[in-house]
Amino acid sequence: MALGDKKRQERRVRRHRRVKKKVVGTAERPRLVVHRSLNNLEGQLVDDGRGVTLLGISTLAGDVKEAGAELSKSERGRLAGKLLAERACAQGITKVVFDRGGYLYHGRVKAFADGAREGGLEF
């Protein structure tokens, strides 16, 4: 990891900690956390009270990977968000708090959030 990359990562982690102070997930309204890597995106529903991950999905998951083989990264993120929302609604979770993970709210992160809204989640 180059020096510039390390500083960028440290700044992102610092932003994430700052946001996480205010954004807390509960059993009724879990926290939807997004993590973005260079090529993939993943989202998790977390109950911070118990410290448990309720659901999770990645663009590497079988459903997303086969359906989005020729899609762009943003479109795969939107598809992953939609699938996560559908699975959450099946478990009775309709309201969440969005945690962008210290990333800017645009591009793949925004597409994931929009897909989750399309799938039925309320932020």
C-alpha atoms as a PDB file:
ATOM      1  CA  MET A   1       0.000   0.000   0.000  1.00  0.00           C
ATOM      2  CA  ALA A   2       1.471   3.322  -1.040  1.00  0.00           C
ATOM      3  CA  LEU A   3       1.744   6.202   1.387  1.00  0.00           C
ATOM      4  CA  GLY A   4      -1.043   8.203  -0.282  1.00  0.00           C
ATOM      5  CA  ASP A   5      -3.376   5.198  -0.204  1.00  0.00           C
ATOM      6  CA  LYS A   6      -2.702   4.658   3.479  1.00  0.00           C
ATOM      7  CA  LYS A   7      -3.518   8.283   4.319  1.00  0.00           C
ATOM      8  CA  ARG A   8      -6.709   8.118   2.248  1.00  0.00           C
ATOM      9  CA  GLN A   9      -7.750   4.933   4.095  1.00  0.00           C
ATOM     10  CA  GLU A  10      -7.012   6.542   7.473  1.00  0.00           C
ATOM     11  CA  ARG A  11      -9.148   9.573   6.573  1.00  0.00           C
ATOM     12  CA  ARG A  12     -12.018   7.297   5.484  1.00  0.00           C
ATOM     13  CA  VAL A  13     -11.823   5.316   8.748  1.00  0.00           C
ATOM     14  CA  ARG A  14     -11.803   8.574  10.720  1.00  0.00           C
ATOM     15  CA  ARG A  15     -14.924   9.781   8.870  1.00  0.00           C
ATOM     16  CA  HIS A  16     -16.596   6.411   9.457  1.00  0.00           C
ATOM     17  CA  ARG A  17     -15.946   6.574  13.205  1.00  0.00           C
ATOM     18  CA  ARG A  18     -17.306  10.115  13.340  1.00  0.00           C
ATOM     19  CA  VAL A  19     -20.507   9.113  11.531  1.00  0.00           C
ATOM     20  CA  LYS A  20     -20.881   5.916  13.571  1.00  0.00           C
ATOM     21  CA  LYS A  21     -21.101   7.954  16.792  1.00  0.00           C
ATOM     22  CA  LYS A  22     -24.513   9.230  15.716  1.00  0.00           C
ATOM     23  CA  VAL A  23     -25.778   6.410  13.474  1.00  0.00           C
ATOM     24  CA  VAL A  24     -26.690   3.452  15.683  1.00  0.00           C
ATOM     25  CA  GLY A  25     -28.625   0.378  14.599  1.00  0.00           C
ATOM     26  CA  THR A  26     -31.245  -1.247  16.795  1.00  0.00           C
ATOM     27  CA  ALA A  27     -33.299  -4.419  16.479  1.00  0.00           C
ATOM     28  CA  GLU A  28     -36.262  -2.436  15.065  1.00  0.00           C
ATOM     29  CA  ARG A  29     -34.121  -0.220  12.841  1.00  0.00           C
ATOM     30  CA  PRO A  30     -30.766  -1.831  11.979  1.00  0.00           C
ATOM     31  CA  ARG A  31     -27.803  -0.008  10.469  1.00  0.00           C
ATOM     32  CA  LEU A  32     -27.180  -0.605   6.750  1.00  0.00           C
ATOM     33  CA  VAL A  33     -23.385  -0.495   6.395  1.00  0.00           C
ATOM     34  CA  VAL A  34     -21.716  -0.218   2.999  1.00  0.00           C
ATOM     35  CA  HIS A  35     -18.138  -1.235   2.234  1.00  0.00           C
ATOM     36  CA  ARG A  36     -16.635  -0.420  -1.132  1.00  0.00           C
ATOM     37  CA  SER A  37     -13.528  -2.039  -2.533  1.00  0.00           C
ATOM     38  CA  LEU A  38     -11.901  -1.374  -5.873  1.00  0.00           C
ATOM     39  CA  ASN A  39     -14.122  -3.792  -7.801  1.00  0.00           C
ATOM     40  CA  ASN A  40     -16.869  -4.892  -5.414  1.00  0.00           C
ATOM     41  CA  LEU A  41     -19.408  -3.597  -2.945  1.00  0.00           C
ATOM     42  CA  GLU A  42     -20.972  -5.198   0.079  1.00  0.00           C
ATOM     43  CA  GLY A  43     -23.732  -4.237   2.467  1.00  0.00           C
ATOM     44  CA  GLN A  44     -24.741  -5.533   5.878  1.00  0.00           C
ATOM     45  CA  LEU A  45     -27.645  -4.968   8.236  1.00  0.00           C
ATOM     46  CA  VAL A  46     -26.237  -4.688  11.755  1.00  0.00           C
ATOM     47  CA  ASP A  47     -27.955  -4.600  15.151  1.00  0.00           C
ATOM     48  CA  ASP A  48     -25.459  -2.604  17.231  1.00  0.00           C
ATOM     49  CA  GLY A  49     -27.306  -3.297  20.481  1.00  0.00           C
ATOM     50  CA  ARG A  50     -26.519  -7.002  20.300  1.00  0.00           C
ATOM     51  CA  GLY A  51     -23.474  -6.642  18.064  1.00  0.00           C
ATOM     52  CA  VAL A  52     -24.926  -8.989  15.444  1.00  0.00           C
ATOM     53  CA  THR A  53     -25.005  -8.904  11.654  1.00  0.00           C
ATOM     54  CA  LEU A  54     -28.549  -9.731  10.574  1.00  0.00           C
ATOM     55  CA  LEU A  55     -28.074  -9.898   6.798  1.00  0.00           C
ATOM     56  CA  GLY A  56     -25.354  -9.298   4.290  1.00  0.00           C
ATOM     57  CA  ILE A  57     -24.796  -9.281   0.549  1.00  0.00           C
ATOM     58  CA  SER A  58     -21.925  -8.650  -1.803  1.00  0.00           C
ATOM     59  CA  THR A  59     -21.575  -8.120  -5.523  1.00  0.00           C
ATOM     60  CA  LEU A  60     -19.631 -11.399  -5.410  1.00  0.00           C
ATOM     61  CA  ALA A  61     -22.749 -13.285  -4.254  1.00  0.00           C
ATOM     62  CA  GLY A  62     -24.068 -15.864  -6.699  1.00  0.00           C
ATOM     63  CA  ASP A  63     -27.370 -14.083  -7.386  1.00  0.00           C
ATOM     64  CA  VAL A  64     -25.699 -10.771  -8.173  1.00  0.00           C
ATOM     65  CA  LYS A  65     -22.733 -12.236 -10.005  1.00  0.00           C
ATOM     66  CA  GLU A  66     -24.742 -14.262 -12.519  1.00  0.00           C
ATOM     67  CA  ALA A  67     -27.434 -11.622 -13.052  1.00  0.00           C
ATOM     68  CA  GLY A  68     -24.969  -8.755 -13.368  1.00  0.00           C
ATOM     69  CA  ALA A  69     -22.172 -10.353 -15.392  1.00  0.00           C
ATOM     70  CA  GLU A  70     -22.239  -7.674 -18.102  1.00  0.00           C
ATOM     71  CA  LEU A  71     -23.425  -4.772 -15.916  1.00  0.00           C
ATOM     72  CA  SER A  72     -21.256  -1.888 -14.730  1.00  0.00           C
ATOM     73  CA  LYS A  73     -20.054  -1.689 -11.107  1.00  0.00           C
ATOM     74  CA  SER A  74     -22.736   0.875 -10.224  1.00  0.00           C
ATOM     75  CA  GLU A  75     -25.495  -1.226 -11.768  1.00  0.00           C
ATOM     76  CA  ARG A  76     -24.268  -4.308  -9.880  1.00  0.00           C
ATOM     77  CA  GLY A  77     -24.323  -2.224  -6.684  1.00  0.00           C
ATOM     78  CA  ARG A  78     -27.918  -1.191  -7.379  1.00  0.00           C
ATOM     79  CA  LEU A  79     -28.863  -4.844  -7.972  1.00  0.00           C
ATOM     80  CA  ALA A  80     -27.144  -5.929  -4.734  1.00  0.00           C
ATOM     81  CA  GLY A  81     -28.999  -3.216  -2.774  1.00  0.00           C
ATOM     82  CA  LYS A  82     -32.305  -4.322  -4.240  1.00  0.00           C
ATOM     83  CA  LEU A  83     -31.666  -7.983  -3.377  1.00  0.00           C
ATOM     84  CA  LEU A  84     -30.618  -7.076   0.167  1.00  0.00           C
ATOM     85  CA  ALA A  85     -33.801  -5.049   0.627  1.00  0.00           C
ATOM     86  CA  GLU A  86     -35.975  -7.891  -0.641  1.00  0.00           C
ATOM     87  CA  ARG A  87     -34.318 -10.339   1.774  1.00  0.00           C
ATOM     88  CA  ALA A  88     -34.702  -7.847   4.634  1.00  0.00           C
ATOM     89  CA  CYS A  89     -38.403  -7.326   3.859  1.00  0.00           C
ATOM     90  CA  ALA A  90     -38.871 -11.095   3.878  1.00  0.00           C
ATOM     91  CA  GLN A  91     -37.503 -11.093   7.442  1.00  0.00           C
ATOM     92  CA  GLY A  92     -39.772  -8.205   8.446  1.00  0.00           C
ATOM     93  CA  ILE A  93     -37.170  -5.414   8.361  1.00  0.00           C
ATOM     94  CA  THR A  94     -38.475  -2.348   6.532  1.00  0.00           C
ATOM     95  CA  LYS A  95     -36.734   0.602   8.222  1.00  0.00           C
ATOM     96  CA  VAL A  96     -32.974   1.053   8.418  1.00  0.00           C
ATOM     97  CA  VAL A  97     -30.389   3.727   9.153  1.00  0.00           C
ATOM     98  CA  PHE A  98     -27.879   4.209   6.329  1.00  0.00           C
ATOM     99  CA  ASP A  99     -24.174   4.197   7.156  1.00  0.00           C
ATOM    100  CA  ARG A 100     -22.108   5.088   4.108  1.00  0.00           C
ATOM    101  CA  GLY A 101     -18.934   3.829   5.773  1.00  0.00           C
ATOM    102  CA  GLY A 102     -17.001   7.067   5.384  1.00  0.00           C
ATOM    103  CA  TYR A 103     -17.352   7.006   1.596  1.00  0.00           C
ATOM    104  CA  LEU A 104     -18.811   9.910  -0.348  1.00  0.00           C
ATOM    105  CA  TYR A 105     -22.500   9.487  -1.147  1.00  0.00           C
ATOM    106  CA  HIS A 106     -22.240   9.203  -4.912  1.00  0.00           C
ATOM    107  CA  GLY A 107     -21.473   6.585  -7.530  1.00  0.00           C
ATOM    108  CA  ARG A 108     -21.683   2.990  -6.328  1.00  0.00           C
ATOM    109  CA  VAL A 109     -22.625   3.902  -2.755  1.00  0.00           C
ATOM    110  CA  LYS A 110     -25.556   5.991  -3.970  1.00  0.00           C
ATOM    111  CA  ALA A 111     -26.582   3.287  -6.459  1.00  0.00           C
ATOM    112  CA  PHE A 112     -26.600   0.711  -3.630  1.00  0.00           C
ATOM    113  CA  ALA A 113     -28.780   2.990  -1.482  1.00  0.00           C
ATOM    114  CA  ASP A 114     -31.158   3.655  -4.391  1.00  0.00           C
ATOM    115  CA  GLY A 115     -31.445  -0.081  -5.049  1.00  0.00           C
ATOM    116  CA  ALA A 116     -32.240  -0.699  -1.388  1.00  0.00           C
ATOM    117  CA  ARG A 117     -34.976   1.929  -1.556  1.00  0.00           C
ATOM    118  CA  GLU A 118     -36.379   0.321  -4.709  1.00  0.00           C
ATOM    119  CA  GLY A 119     -36.433  -3.015  -2.896  1.00  0.00           C
ATOM    120  CA  GLY A 120     -38.633  -1.604  -0.140  1.00  0.00           C
ATOM    121  CA  LEU A 121     -36.358  -0.287   2.607  1.00  0.00           C
ATOM    122  CA  GLU A 122     -37.026   3.096   4.216  1.00  0.00           C
ATOM    123  CA  PHE A 123     -34.095   5.246   5.353  1.00  0.00           C
END
